[in-house]
Amino acid sequence: MDALAIGRLLPDGAPAGWSGTGFLVSAEYALTARHVLCPPGPVGSVRADPVPSGQLRFADGSSTSFALEDHDEQLDVALLRVAPPPPLS
């Protein structure tokens, strides 16, 4: 996998079809939009706090789990720690 890779982000507990884009920026970190980690809840409610974990899947079929490291609501950005780090080519 290249040092910079783009994958499909699947937050834990999100409803079917809910996903977003994650950008692997190093062997240990990925970036995404914070709102991707705030999927809708029951009866159209919106989750106030980001989901703390999930999966990041890449086009080559590989995937890795992630944990929320930090986020900023105003900037709509979230930093994710991927573990275990995917192999980089």
Protein backbone atom coordinates (compact mmCIF):
# COMPACT_ATOMS: atom_id res chain seq x y z
CA MET A 1 0.00 0.00 0.00
CA ASP A 2 1.26 3.49 -0.80
CA ALA A 3 2.15 5.90 2.00
CA LEU A 4 -0.91 7.93 1.07
CA ALA A 5 -4.00 5.82 0.49
CA ILE A 6 -7.71 6.51 0.37
CA GLY A 7 -10.20 4.10 1.87
CA ARG A 8 -13.84 3.65 2.79
CA LEU A 9 -14.45 4.49 6.44
CA LEU A 10 -17.05 2.40 8.28
CA PRO A 11 -17.76 3.65 11.83
CA ASP A 12 -18.79 1.00 14.36
CA GLY A 13 -22.54 0.97 15.00
CA ALA A 14 -23.38 3.11 11.96
CA PRO A 15 -26.52 2.23 10.01
CA ALA A 16 -26.24 0.17 6.82
CA GLY A 17 -24.97 2.25 3.93
CA TRP A 18 -23.33 4.89 6.14
CA SER A 19 -19.69 5.39 5.22
CA GLY A 20 -17.21 8.09 4.36
CA THR A 21 -13.71 8.60 3.07
CA GLY A 22 -10.57 8.09 5.11
CA PHE A 23 -7.12 9.25 4.02
CA LEU A 24 -4.16 7.23 5.28
CA VAL A 25 -1.47 9.89 5.79
CA SER A 26 1.16 7.78 7.55
CA ALA A 27 1.65 4.22 8.75
CA GLU A 28 -0.20 5.06 11.96
CA TYR A 29 -2.69 7.84 11.12
CA ALA A 30 -5.65 8.59 8.88
CA LEU A 31 -7.77 11.72 8.46
CA THR A 32 -11.49 12.04 7.79
CA ALA A 33 -14.28 14.55 8.16
CA ARG A 34 -15.63 14.56 11.73
CA HIS A 35 -19.24 14.37 10.52
CA VAL A 36 -18.52 10.94 9.01
CA LEU A 37 -18.07 9.68 12.58
CA CYS A 38 -21.45 11.09 13.68
CA PRO A 39 -23.97 8.84 11.89
CA PRO A 40 -27.70 9.32 12.37
CA GLY A 41 -29.27 7.57 15.33
CA PRO A 42 -32.79 6.30 15.88
CA VAL A 43 -35.67 8.34 14.45
CA GLY A 44 -33.37 10.71 12.56
CA SER A 45 -31.45 11.93 15.58
CA VAL A 46 -27.82 12.90 14.96
CA ARG A 47 -25.04 11.58 17.15
CA ALA A 48 -23.41 14.46 19.06
CA ASP A 49 -20.11 12.74 19.82
CA PRO A 50 -18.03 10.95 17.18
CA VAL A 51 -17.97 7.16 17.05
CA PRO A 52 -14.68 6.10 18.68
CA SER A 53 -13.78 3.19 16.38
CA GLY A 54 -14.46 1.34 13.15
CA GLN A 55 -12.87 -0.06 9.99
CA LEU A 56 -10.98 1.52 7.12
CA ARG A 57 -11.17 -0.54 3.89
CA PHE A 58 -8.94 0.02 0.88
CA ALA A 59 -9.43 -0.64 -2.84
CA ASP A 60 -6.90 -3.49 -2.80
CA GLY A 61 -9.17 -5.40 -0.38
CA SER A 62 -7.10 -4.79 2.74
CA SER A 63 -8.58 -3.22 5.83
CA THR A 64 -7.53 -2.01 9.25
CA SER A 65 -9.31 -0.95 12.40
CA PHE A 66 -9.15 2.62 13.65
CA ALA A 67 -9.54 4.45 16.94
CA LEU A 68 -10.44 8.13 17.21
CA GLU A 69 -7.35 10.02 18.36
CA ASP A 70 -8.67 13.62 18.24
CA HIS A 71 -11.28 15.76 16.47
CA ASP A 72 -12.38 19.34 15.95
CA GLU A 73 -16.06 20.09 15.48
CA GLN A 74 -15.56 23.56 14.00
CA LEU A 75 -13.00 22.38 11.43
CA ASP A 76 -14.97 19.15 10.77
CA VAL A 77 -11.82 17.05 10.89
CA ALA A 78 -10.90 13.88 12.79
CA LEU A 79 -7.53 12.21 13.33
CA LEU A 80 -7.65 8.42 13.51
CA ARG A 81 -5.00 6.02 14.76
CA VAL A 82 -4.99 2.88 12.63
CA ALA A 83 -4.07 -0.36 14.35
CA PRO A 84 -2.46 -2.49 13.35
CA PRO A 85 -0.86 -0.21 10.77
CA PRO A 86 -1.33 -1.53 7.22
CA PRO A 87 1.84 -2.49 5.35
CA LEU A 88 3.27 0.34 3.25
CA SER A 89 5.02 -0.35 -0.02
